[in-house]
């Protein structure tokens, strides 16, 4: 099954000043979102595996668009995340079926790596509601400077029979991060934790 995509949105956020202090170089985050038809809206279906294929398709498409918008090679991306907003006639499990079984592999392929689990969130909501995409370092989950999130929304999505699928990438951690933990230059990137 292929995704029936109504709309694709790309967002780039650049922070130049945080806490009254200049951020140099500016921190950048980019998200790519797809508004898709939920083929199972309004019905219970036991086998959701066709949604796995949609996740795989969107994993490649959206991650490539997000990285292109960020303007760096995939290997230079530092953190990542994924999220889904399911319209009122869908189930949370529909979002899970898109995000979890197969979306990660093509996402990691675009980045060239990604040892850490991809942080994710999902919720049922209506058009225009904010969706938080959680972010974490792509190779080491214990890097606190990269615990973050990016809020996105689409004014007319998700409709009741749609799913909004989103991925986000960054070129750095939070601006002026100073709460300790494993530092970026200490990453081994072998176990996804450190």
N, C-alpha and C. Protein backbone atom coordinates (compact mmCIF):
# COMPACT_ATOMS: atom_id res chain seq x y z
N UNK A 1 0.85 -1.19 0.00
CA UNK A 1 0.00 0.00 0.00
C UNK A 1 0.89 1.24 0.00
N UNK A 2 0.58 2.19 -0.86
CA UNK A 2 1.30 3.47 -0.89
C UNK A 2 0.48 4.53 -0.18
N UNK A 3 1.17 5.54 0.33
CA UNK A 3 0.50 6.64 1.00
C UNK A 3 -0.26 7.49 -0.02
N UNK A 4 -1.49 7.87 0.34
CA UNK A 4 -2.22 8.87 -0.44
C UNK A 4 -1.96 10.20 0.25
N UNK A 5 -1.03 10.95 -0.30
CA UNK A 5 -0.55 12.19 0.32
C UNK A 5 -1.36 13.37 -0.20
N UNK A 6 -1.97 14.11 0.72
CA UNK A 6 -2.70 15.33 0.34
C UNK A 6 -1.78 16.53 0.32
N UNK A 7 -0.81 16.54 1.23
CA UNK A 7 0.00 17.74 1.38
C UNK A 7 1.32 17.36 2.03
N UNK A 8 2.40 18.05 1.62
CA UNK A 8 3.70 17.93 2.28
C UNK A 8 4.13 19.33 2.70
N UNK A 9 4.62 19.44 3.93
CA UNK A 9 5.04 20.72 4.49
C UNK A 9 6.47 20.56 5.00
N UNK A 10 7.31 21.55 4.75
CA UNK A 10 8.66 21.57 5.28
C UNK A 10 8.85 22.85 6.08
N UNK A 11 9.42 22.70 7.27
CA UNK A 11 9.60 23.83 8.18
C UNK A 11 11.06 23.88 8.61
N UNK A 12 11.66 25.07 8.59
CA UNK A 12 13.01 25.27 9.09
C UNK A 12 12.95 26.34 10.17
N UNK A 13 13.59 26.03 11.30
CA UNK A 13 13.63 26.96 12.42
C UNK A 13 15.10 27.24 12.74
N UNK A 14 15.45 28.52 12.85
CA UNK A 14 16.82 28.92 13.14
C UNK A 14 16.81 29.85 14.35
N UNK A 15 17.55 29.49 15.39
CA UNK A 15 17.59 30.30 16.60
C UNK A 15 18.88 31.11 16.62
N UNK A 16 18.74 32.44 16.63
CA UNK A 16 19.87 33.36 16.61
C UNK A 16 20.18 33.93 17.99
N UNK A 17 19.17 34.04 18.84
CA UNK A 17 19.34 34.57 20.20
C UNK A 17 18.52 33.71 21.14
N UNK A 18 19.11 33.29 22.24
CA UNK A 18 18.41 32.51 23.26
C UNK A 18 18.81 33.08 24.62
N UNK A 19 17.82 33.39 25.44
CA UNK A 19 18.10 33.94 26.76
C UNK A 19 18.81 35.28 26.70
N UNK A 20 18.60 36.03 25.63
CA UNK A 20 19.23 37.33 25.46
C UNK A 20 20.67 37.25 24.99
N UNK A 21 21.18 36.06 24.74
CA UNK A 21 22.57 35.86 24.32
C UNK A 21 22.59 35.31 22.89
N UNK A 22 23.48 35.84 22.07
CA UNK A 22 23.61 35.38 20.68
C UNK A 22 23.98 33.91 20.64
N UNK A 23 23.44 33.22 19.64
CA UNK A 23 23.75 31.82 19.40
C UNK A 23 24.61 31.78 18.14
N UNK A 24 25.87 31.38 18.31
CA UNK A 24 26.79 31.39 17.19
C UNK A 24 27.58 30.09 17.15
N UNK A 25 27.43 29.31 16.08
CA UNK A 25 26.50 29.55 14.98
C UNK A 25 25.07 29.28 15.42
N UNK A 26 24.10 29.84 14.72
CA UNK A 26 22.71 29.60 15.08
C UNK A 26 22.38 28.11 15.07
N UNK A 27 21.48 27.69 15.95
CA UNK A 27 21.01 26.30 15.93
C UNK A 27 19.87 26.20 14.93
N UNK A 28 19.83 25.07 14.24
CA UNK A 28 18.82 24.89 13.20
C UNK A 28 18.12 23.56 13.37
N UNK A 29 16.80 23.59 13.16
CA UNK A 29 15.97 22.39 13.16
C UNK A 29 15.10 22.43 11.92
N UNK A 30 14.84 21.27 11.37
CA UNK A 30 13.96 21.19 10.20
C UNK A 30 13.01 20.02 10.37
N UNK A 31 11.80 20.21 9.93
CA UNK A 31 10.79 19.14 9.97
C UNK A 31 10.15 19.02 8.60
N UNK A 32 9.82 17.79 8.25
CA UNK A 32 9.05 17.53 7.04
C UNK A 32 7.82 16.74 7.46
N UNK A 33 6.66 17.15 6.98
CA UNK A 33 5.39 16.58 7.38
C UNK A 33 4.60 16.15 6.15
N UNK A 34 3.89 15.05 6.28
CA UNK A 34 2.99 14.60 5.22
C UNK A 34 1.60 14.40 5.81
N UNK A 35 0.63 14.93 5.14
CA UNK A 35 -0.77 14.71 5.51
C UNK A 35 -1.28 13.62 4.58
N UNK A 36 -1.64 12.48 5.19
CA UNK A 36 -2.03 11.33 4.37
C UNK A 36 -3.45 10.87 4.74
N UNK A 37 -4.06 10.18 3.79
CA UNK A 37 -5.34 9.55 4.05
C UNK A 37 -5.12 8.36 4.99
N UNK A 38 -5.98 8.21 5.98
CA UNK A 38 -5.94 7.04 6.85
C UNK A 38 -6.86 5.99 6.23
N UNK A 39 -6.31 4.92 5.63
CA UNK A 39 -7.15 3.94 4.95
C UNK A 39 -8.03 3.14 5.91
N UNK A 40 -7.76 3.24 7.22
CA UNK A 40 -8.53 2.47 8.20
C UNK A 40 -9.37 3.35 9.10
N UNK A 41 -9.56 4.60 8.74
CA UNK A 41 -10.37 5.51 9.55
C UNK A 41 -11.79 4.97 9.67
N UNK A 42 -12.32 4.98 10.87
CA UNK A 42 -13.70 4.59 11.11
C UNK A 42 -13.95 3.10 11.12
N UNK A 43 -12.89 2.28 11.13
CA UNK A 43 -13.10 0.83 11.14
C UNK A 43 -11.97 0.16 11.92
N UNK A 44 -12.28 -0.95 12.53
CA UNK A 44 -11.26 -1.73 13.21
C UNK A 44 -10.73 -2.76 12.22
N UNK A 45 -9.40 -2.79 12.06
CA UNK A 45 -8.75 -3.75 11.18
C UNK A 45 -7.65 -4.43 11.99
N UNK A 46 -7.65 -5.75 12.00
CA UNK A 46 -6.67 -6.49 12.80
C UNK A 46 -5.26 -6.36 12.23
N UNK A 47 -5.12 -6.53 10.93
CA UNK A 47 -3.81 -6.53 10.29
C UNK A 47 -3.46 -5.13 9.78
N UNK A 48 -2.55 -4.46 10.48
CA UNK A 48 -2.15 -3.10 10.10
C UNK A 48 -0.86 -3.08 9.29
N UNK A 49 -0.39 -4.24 8.85
CA UNK A 49 0.90 -4.29 8.16
C UNK A 49 0.97 -3.43 6.89
N UNK A 50 -0.12 -3.16 6.17
CA UNK A 50 0.01 -2.23 5.05
C UNK A 50 0.48 -0.83 5.49
N UNK A 51 0.17 -0.46 6.73
CA UNK A 51 0.65 0.83 7.22
C UNK A 51 2.17 0.81 7.46
N UNK A 52 2.74 -0.36 7.71
CA UNK A 52 4.20 -0.46 7.86
C UNK A 52 4.87 0.02 6.57
N UNK A 53 4.29 -0.39 5.44
CA UNK A 53 4.87 -0.01 4.14
C UNK A 53 4.76 1.50 3.92
N UNK A 54 3.67 2.08 4.36
CA UNK A 54 3.53 3.53 4.27
C UNK A 54 4.60 4.20 5.14
N UNK A 55 4.85 3.65 6.32
CA UNK A 55 5.90 4.19 7.18
C UNK A 55 7.26 4.14 6.51
N UNK A 56 7.54 3.04 5.84
CA UNK A 56 8.82 2.91 5.14
C UNK A 56 8.94 3.95 4.03
N UNK A 57 7.86 4.10 3.27
CA UNK A 57 7.84 5.09 2.18
C UNK A 57 8.06 6.50 2.73
N UNK A 58 7.33 6.84 3.77
CA UNK A 58 7.43 8.19 4.34
C UNK A 58 8.76 8.41 5.06
N UNK A 59 9.32 7.35 5.63
CA UNK A 59 10.61 7.47 6.28
C UNK A 59 11.69 7.97 5.33
N UNK A 60 11.71 7.44 4.13
CA UNK A 60 12.67 7.89 3.13
C UNK A 60 12.35 9.27 2.59
N UNK A 61 11.09 9.47 2.21
CA UNK A 61 10.67 10.75 1.62
C UNK A 61 10.85 11.91 2.58
N UNK A 62 10.29 11.79 3.79
CA UNK A 62 10.31 12.91 4.72
C UNK A 62 11.70 13.20 5.27
N UNK A 63 12.47 12.17 5.56
CA UNK A 63 13.82 12.42 6.09
C UNK A 63 14.68 13.11 5.04
N UNK A 64 14.58 12.70 3.78
CA UNK A 64 15.35 13.36 2.71
C UNK A 64 14.96 14.83 2.59
N UNK A 65 13.67 15.11 2.70
CA UNK A 65 13.22 16.51 2.61
C UNK A 65 13.68 17.33 3.81
N UNK A 66 13.62 16.75 5.00
CA UNK A 66 14.03 17.47 6.20
C UNK A 66 15.53 17.77 6.16
N UNK A 67 16.33 16.80 5.76
CA UNK A 67 17.78 17.00 5.67
C UNK A 67 18.10 18.05 4.61
N UNK A 68 17.44 17.99 3.46
CA UNK A 68 17.66 18.98 2.40
C UNK A 68 17.32 20.38 2.91
N UNK A 69 16.22 20.50 3.65
CA UNK A 69 15.83 21.80 4.19
C UNK A 69 16.83 22.31 5.22
N UNK A 70 17.41 21.40 5.99
CA UNK A 70 18.41 21.78 6.98
C UNK A 70 19.69 22.27 6.29
N UNK A 71 19.94 21.80 5.07
CA UNK A 71 21.06 22.28 4.29
C UNK A 71 22.41 21.71 4.69
N UNK A 72 22.40 20.50 5.26
CA UNK A 72 23.65 19.83 5.62
C UNK A 72 23.60 18.41 5.07
N UNK A 73 24.77 17.77 4.93
CA UNK A 73 24.73 16.35 4.55
C UNK A 73 24.06 15.54 5.65
N UNK A 74 23.43 14.43 5.30
CA UNK A 74 22.77 13.59 6.29
C UNK A 74 23.69 13.18 7.42
N UNK A 75 24.95 12.95 7.11
CA UNK A 75 25.90 12.53 8.14
C UNK A 75 26.17 13.63 9.17
N UNK A 76 25.84 14.89 8.85
CA UNK A 76 26.05 16.00 9.78
C UNK A 76 24.85 16.25 10.69
N UNK A 77 23.75 15.58 10.46
CA UNK A 77 22.59 15.71 11.34
C UNK A 77 22.97 15.18 12.72
N UNK A 78 22.59 15.90 13.77
CA UNK A 78 22.95 15.48 15.12
C UNK A 78 21.81 14.83 15.88
N UNK A 79 20.59 15.31 15.69
CA UNK A 79 19.49 14.67 16.40
C UNK A 79 18.30 14.50 15.49
N UNK A 80 17.39 13.61 15.95
CA UNK A 80 16.23 13.28 15.12
C UNK A 80 15.04 12.89 15.98
N UNK A 81 13.88 12.88 15.34
CA UNK A 81 12.65 12.47 16.01
C UNK A 81 11.55 12.26 14.98
N UNK A 82 10.44 11.65 15.46
CA UNK A 82 9.31 11.37 14.57
C UNK A 82 8.03 11.48 15.39
N UNK A 83 6.92 11.77 14.72
CA UNK A 83 5.64 11.91 15.43
C UNK A 83 4.49 11.73 14.44
N UNK A 84 3.31 11.44 15.01
CA UNK A 84 2.11 11.31 14.19
C UNK A 84 0.92 11.89 14.94
N UNK A 85 0.08 12.60 14.22
CA UNK A 85 -1.19 13.10 14.74
C UNK A 85 -2.28 12.38 13.95
N UNK A 86 -3.12 11.65 14.66
CA UNK A 86 -4.14 10.84 14.03
C UNK A 86 -5.48 11.56 14.14
N UNK A 87 -6.19 11.68 13.04
CA UNK A 87 -7.50 12.32 13.05
C UNK A 87 -8.50 11.52 13.87
N UNK A 88 -9.61 12.16 14.20
CA UNK A 88 -10.59 11.63 15.15
C UNK A 88 -11.15 10.26 14.80
N UNK A 89 -11.22 9.91 13.53
CA UNK A 89 -11.78 8.61 13.15
C UNK A 89 -10.74 7.49 13.11
N UNK A 90 -9.50 7.81 13.49
CA UNK A 90 -8.45 6.81 13.50
C UNK A 90 -8.09 6.38 14.90
N UNK A 91 -7.16 5.45 14.98
CA UNK A 91 -6.67 4.93 16.26
C UNK A 91 -5.21 5.33 16.45
N UNK A 92 -4.80 5.43 17.73
CA UNK A 92 -3.39 5.65 18.01
C UNK A 92 -2.54 4.56 17.36
N UNK A 93 -3.07 3.35 17.30
CA UNK A 93 -2.34 2.22 16.72
C UNK A 93 -2.04 2.44 15.23
N UNK A 94 -2.86 3.21 14.55
CA UNK A 94 -2.59 3.52 13.15
C UNK A 94 -1.30 4.33 13.04
N UNK A 95 -1.14 5.31 13.93
CA UNK A 95 0.09 6.09 13.95
C UNK A 95 1.28 5.23 14.33
N UNK A 96 1.09 4.34 15.31
CA UNK A 96 2.17 3.45 15.73
C UNK A 96 2.61 2.54 14.59
N UNK A 97 1.65 2.06 13.80
CA UNK A 97 1.98 1.17 12.69
C UNK A 97 2.80 1.88 11.61
N UNK A 98 2.61 3.17 11.47
CA UNK A 98 3.40 3.94 10.52
C UNK A 98 4.77 4.27 11.10
N UNK A 99 4.83 4.67 12.36
CA UNK A 99 6.09 5.14 12.95
C UNK A 99 7.08 4.06 13.31
N UNK A 100 6.61 2.91 13.80
CA UNK A 100 7.54 2.00 14.46
C UNK A 100 8.14 0.85 13.64
N UNK A 101 7.38 0.05 12.95
CA UNK A 101 8.03 -1.12 12.34
C UNK A 101 9.07 -0.81 11.27
N UNK A 102 8.79 0.17 10.37
CA UNK A 102 9.68 0.32 9.21
C UNK A 102 10.13 1.75 8.88
N UNK A 103 9.62 2.77 9.53
CA UNK A 103 10.00 4.14 9.20
C UNK A 103 11.46 4.43 9.52
N UNK A 104 12.00 3.83 10.56
CA UNK A 104 13.35 4.14 11.03
C UNK A 104 14.46 3.77 10.08
N UNK A 105 14.39 2.63 9.42
CA UNK A 105 15.50 2.18 8.55
C UNK A 105 15.80 3.16 7.42
N UNK A 106 14.79 3.62 6.65
CA UNK A 106 15.12 4.58 5.60
C UNK A 106 15.54 5.94 6.16
N UNK A 107 15.03 6.31 7.34
CA UNK A 107 15.43 7.55 8.00
C UNK A 107 16.93 7.48 8.31
N UNK A 108 17.34 6.39 8.93
CA UNK A 108 18.76 6.21 9.27
C UNK A 108 19.63 6.14 8.01
N UNK A 109 19.12 5.55 6.95
CA UNK A 109 19.88 5.44 5.70
C UNK A 109 20.19 6.84 5.15
N UNK A 110 19.22 7.74 5.20
CA UNK A 110 19.44 9.12 4.74
C UNK A 110 20.52 9.80 5.58
N UNK A 111 20.59 9.46 6.86
CA UNK A 111 21.56 10.08 7.76
C UNK A 111 22.91 9.37 7.73
N UNK A 112 22.97 8.17 7.22
CA UNK A 112 24.20 7.42 7.20
C UNK A 112 24.46 6.67 8.49
N UNK A 113 23.68 6.93 9.52
CA UNK A 113 23.81 6.24 10.80
C UNK A 113 22.58 6.59 11.61
N UNK A 114 22.62 6.21 12.86
CA UNK A 114 21.53 6.46 13.78
C UNK A 114 21.46 5.29 14.74
N UNK A 115 22.42 5.23 15.66
CA UNK A 115 22.51 4.10 16.59
C UNK A 115 21.44 4.16 17.68
N UNK A 116 20.98 5.35 18.04
CA UNK A 116 19.99 5.50 19.11
C UNK A 116 18.57 5.30 18.59
N UNK A 117 17.69 4.89 19.51
CA UNK A 117 16.27 4.84 19.15
C UNK A 117 15.81 6.22 18.71
N UNK A 118 14.90 6.25 17.76
CA UNK A 118 14.35 7.52 17.30
C UNK A 118 13.21 7.90 18.23
N UNK A 119 13.35 9.02 18.97
CA UNK A 119 12.26 9.41 19.86
C UNK A 119 10.97 9.62 19.06
N UNK A 120 9.85 9.28 19.67
CA UNK A 120 8.59 9.40 18.94
C UNK A 120 7.44 9.80 19.86
N UNK A 121 6.41 10.34 19.24
CA UNK A 121 5.17 10.63 19.95
C UNK A 121 4.02 10.47 18.97
N UNK A 122 2.86 10.24 19.53
CA UNK A 122 1.66 10.14 18.71
C UNK A 122 0.47 10.58 19.54
N UNK A 123 -0.50 11.15 18.89
CA UNK A 123 -1.73 11.54 19.59
C UNK A 123 -2.87 11.65 18.60
N UNK A 124 -4.07 11.55 19.13
CA UNK A 124 -5.27 11.75 18.32
C UNK A 124 -5.66 13.21 18.51
N UNK A 125 -5.94 13.89 17.42
CA UNK A 125 -6.23 15.32 17.51
C UNK A 125 -6.97 15.79 16.27
N UNK A 126 -7.24 17.06 16.21
CA UNK A 126 -7.96 17.64 15.08
C UNK A 126 -7.11 18.64 14.33
N UNK A 127 -7.67 19.24 13.28
CA UNK A 127 -6.93 20.18 12.44
C UNK A 127 -6.33 21.33 13.25
N UNK A 128 -5.08 21.65 12.93
CA UNK A 128 -4.43 22.81 13.51
C UNK A 128 -3.82 22.60 14.89
N UNK A 129 -4.06 21.47 15.51
CA UNK A 129 -3.53 21.24 16.86
C UNK A 129 -2.01 21.07 16.78
N UNK A 130 -1.31 21.57 17.78
CA UNK A 130 0.15 21.40 17.78
C UNK A 130 0.55 19.94 17.98
N UNK A 131 1.64 19.57 17.34
CA UNK A 131 2.22 18.25 17.48
C UNK A 131 3.67 18.44 17.88
N UNK A 132 4.08 17.84 18.99
CA UNK A 132 5.46 17.93 19.44
C UNK A 132 6.24 16.73 18.92
N UNK A 133 7.31 17.02 18.18
CA UNK A 133 8.21 15.97 17.71
C UNK A 133 9.37 15.92 18.70
N UNK A 134 9.49 14.85 19.48
CA UNK A 134 10.60 14.77 20.42
C UNK A 134 11.91 14.57 19.67
N UNK A 135 12.99 15.11 20.23
CA UNK A 135 14.30 15.00 19.59
C UNK A 135 15.32 14.42 20.55
N UNK A 136 16.23 13.64 20.03
CA UNK A 136 17.34 13.10 20.79
C UNK A 136 18.51 12.87 19.85
N UNK A 137 19.73 12.83 20.42
CA UNK A 137 20.92 12.62 19.59
C UNK A 137 20.77 11.31 18.81
N UNK A 138 21.17 11.33 17.56
CA UNK A 138 20.95 10.16 16.69
C UNK A 138 21.83 8.96 17.05
N UNK A 139 22.95 9.19 17.73
CA UNK A 139 23.86 8.08 18.00
C UNK A 139 24.05 7.75 19.47
N UNK A 140 23.59 8.64 20.37
CA UNK A 140 23.82 8.41 21.80
C UNK A 140 22.71 9.05 22.61
N UNK A 141 21.85 8.23 23.16
CA UNK A 141 20.67 8.71 23.88
C UNK A 141 21.00 9.51 25.13
N UNK A 142 22.20 9.34 25.70
CA UNK A 142 22.54 10.01 26.96
C UNK A 142 23.11 11.42 26.78
N UNK A 143 23.09 11.96 25.57
CA UNK A 143 23.60 13.31 25.33
C UNK A 143 22.48 14.30 25.66
N UNK A 144 22.52 14.83 26.89
CA UNK A 144 21.43 15.69 27.38
C UNK A 144 21.25 16.97 26.58
N UNK A 145 22.32 17.49 26.00
CA UNK A 145 22.23 18.73 25.24
C UNK A 145 21.29 18.60 24.04
N UNK A 146 20.97 17.38 23.67
CA UNK A 146 20.12 17.15 22.51
C UNK A 146 18.71 16.67 22.88
N UNK A 147 18.39 16.63 24.17
CA UNK A 147 17.00 16.35 24.59
C UNK A 147 16.21 17.60 24.24
N UNK A 148 15.31 17.50 23.31
CA UNK A 148 14.62 18.69 22.82
C UNK A 148 13.32 18.28 22.15
N UNK A 149 12.70 19.19 21.48
CA UNK A 149 11.48 18.92 20.73
C UNK A 149 11.23 20.05 19.76
N UNK A 150 10.44 19.77 18.77
CA UNK A 150 10.04 20.78 17.79
C UNK A 150 8.54 20.72 17.63
N UNK A 151 7.89 21.84 17.85
CA UNK A 151 6.43 21.91 17.71
C UNK A 151 6.07 22.30 16.28
N UNK A 152 5.13 21.55 15.71
CA UNK A 152 4.65 21.83 14.37
C UNK A 152 3.12 21.78 14.38
N UNK A 153 2.52 22.37 13.38
CA UNK A 153 1.07 22.24 13.20
C UNK A 153 0.73 22.56 11.74
N UNK A 154 -0.41 22.05 11.32
CA UNK A 154 -0.91 22.30 9.98
C UNK A 154 -2.36 22.75 10.14
N UNK A 155 -2.67 23.92 9.65
CA UNK A 155 -3.97 24.54 9.93
C UNK A 155 -5.17 23.66 9.55
N UNK A 156 -5.05 22.85 8.51
CA UNK A 156 -6.21 22.06 8.06
C UNK A 156 -5.98 20.55 8.20
N UNK A 157 -5.09 20.16 9.11
CA UNK A 157 -4.82 18.73 9.24
C UNK A 157 -4.42 18.40 10.68
N UNK A 158 -4.70 17.16 11.11
CA UNK A 158 -5.33 16.10 10.33
C UNK A 158 -6.85 16.21 10.37
N UNK A 159 -7.47 15.99 9.24
CA UNK A 159 -8.91 15.83 9.21
C UNK A 159 -9.25 14.49 9.86
N UNK A 160 -10.52 14.24 10.11
CA UNK A 160 -10.92 13.04 10.85
C UNK A 160 -10.41 11.75 10.21
N UNK A 161 -10.29 11.74 8.88
CA UNK A 161 -9.85 10.53 8.19
C UNK A 161 -8.41 10.62 7.69
N UNK A 162 -7.59 11.41 8.38
CA UNK A 162 -6.20 11.60 7.97
C UNK A 162 -5.22 11.32 9.11
N UNK A 163 -3.97 11.22 8.74
CA UNK A 163 -2.86 11.12 9.68
C UNK A 163 -1.80 12.12 9.24
N UNK A 164 -1.31 12.89 10.17
CA UNK A 164 -0.20 13.81 9.93
C UNK A 164 1.06 13.11 10.44
N UNK A 165 1.99 12.83 9.54
CA UNK A 165 3.23 12.14 9.89
C UNK A 165 4.37 13.14 9.76
N UNK A 166 5.24 13.19 10.78
CA UNK A 166 6.30 14.20 10.79
C UNK A 166 7.63 13.60 11.24
N UNK A 167 8.71 14.09 10.65
CA UNK A 167 10.06 13.79 11.12
C UNK A 167 10.79 15.12 11.29
N UNK A 168 11.76 15.14 12.21
CA UNK A 168 12.55 16.35 12.43
C UNK A 168 14.01 15.98 12.59
N UNK A 169 14.88 16.90 12.19
CA UNK A 169 16.32 16.74 12.31
C UNK A 169 16.93 18.06 12.76
N UNK A 170 18.11 17.99 13.39
CA UNK A 170 18.80 19.21 13.82
C UNK A 170 20.27 19.15 13.41
N UNK A 171 20.90 20.33 13.40
CA UNK A 171 22.34 20.39 13.15
C UNK A 171 23.13 20.60 14.43
N UNK A 172 22.43 20.57 15.59
CA UNK A 172 23.08 20.82 16.87
C UNK A 172 22.12 20.49 18.00
N UNK A 173 22.56 20.70 19.22
CA UNK A 173 21.69 20.53 20.38
C UNK A 173 20.98 21.83 20.70
N UNK A 174 20.46 21.92 21.92
CA UNK A 174 19.79 23.13 22.35
C UNK A 174 20.78 24.30 22.41
N UNK A 175 20.32 25.52 22.16
CA UNK A 175 21.21 26.67 22.30
C UNK A 175 21.67 26.82 23.76
N UNK A 176 22.96 27.05 23.93
CA UNK A 176 23.56 27.29 25.26
C UNK A 176 23.27 26.15 26.25
N UNK A 177 23.28 24.92 25.80
CA UNK A 177 23.02 23.77 26.69
C UNK A 177 24.05 23.75 27.81
N UNK A 178 23.57 23.54 29.04
CA UNK A 178 24.48 23.57 30.18
C UNK A 178 23.95 22.78 31.38
N UNK A 179 23.35 21.61 31.12
CA UNK A 179 22.82 20.80 32.21
C UNK A 179 23.59 19.48 32.37
N UNK A 180 24.81 19.46 31.89
CA UNK A 180 25.67 18.30 32.10
C UNK A 180 25.33 17.12 31.22
N UNK A 181 25.81 15.96 31.65
CA UNK A 181 25.59 14.73 30.89
C UNK A 181 26.70 14.47 29.91
N UNK A 182 26.55 13.41 29.14
CA UNK A 182 27.52 13.03 28.13
C UNK A 182 27.66 14.15 27.10
N UNK A 183 28.87 14.51 26.78
CA UNK A 183 29.10 15.57 25.80
C UNK A 183 29.23 14.97 24.40
N UNK A 184 28.92 15.80 23.43
CA UNK A 184 28.94 15.37 22.03
C UNK A 184 30.30 14.77 21.64
N UNK A 185 31.39 15.34 22.11
CA UNK A 185 32.71 14.84 21.73
C UNK A 185 33.12 13.57 22.49
N UNK A 186 32.26 13.09 23.39
CA UNK A 186 32.51 11.86 24.14
C UNK A 186 31.73 10.66 23.59
N UNK A 187 30.94 10.87 22.57
CA UNK A 187 30.10 9.82 22.00
C UNK A 187 30.94 8.72 21.36
N UNK A 188 30.57 7.48 21.68
CA UNK A 188 31.16 6.32 21.00
C UNK A 188 30.25 5.86 19.87
N UNK A 189 28.93 6.01 20.05
CA UNK A 189 27.98 5.69 18.99
C UNK A 189 27.85 4.22 18.65
N UNK A 190 28.15 3.35 19.61
CA UNK A 190 28.11 1.91 19.34
C UNK A 190 26.83 1.24 19.83
N UNK A 191 26.37 1.63 21.01
CA UNK A 191 25.21 0.95 21.59
C UNK A 191 23.94 1.79 21.57
N UNK A 192 24.00 2.99 21.01
CA UNK A 192 22.84 3.87 20.97
C UNK A 192 22.62 4.62 22.26
N UNK A 193 23.37 4.33 23.28
CA UNK A 193 23.23 4.99 24.57
C UNK A 193 24.33 6.02 24.80
N UNK A 194 25.56 5.58 24.60
CA UNK A 194 26.72 6.44 24.85
C UNK A 194 27.51 6.58 23.58
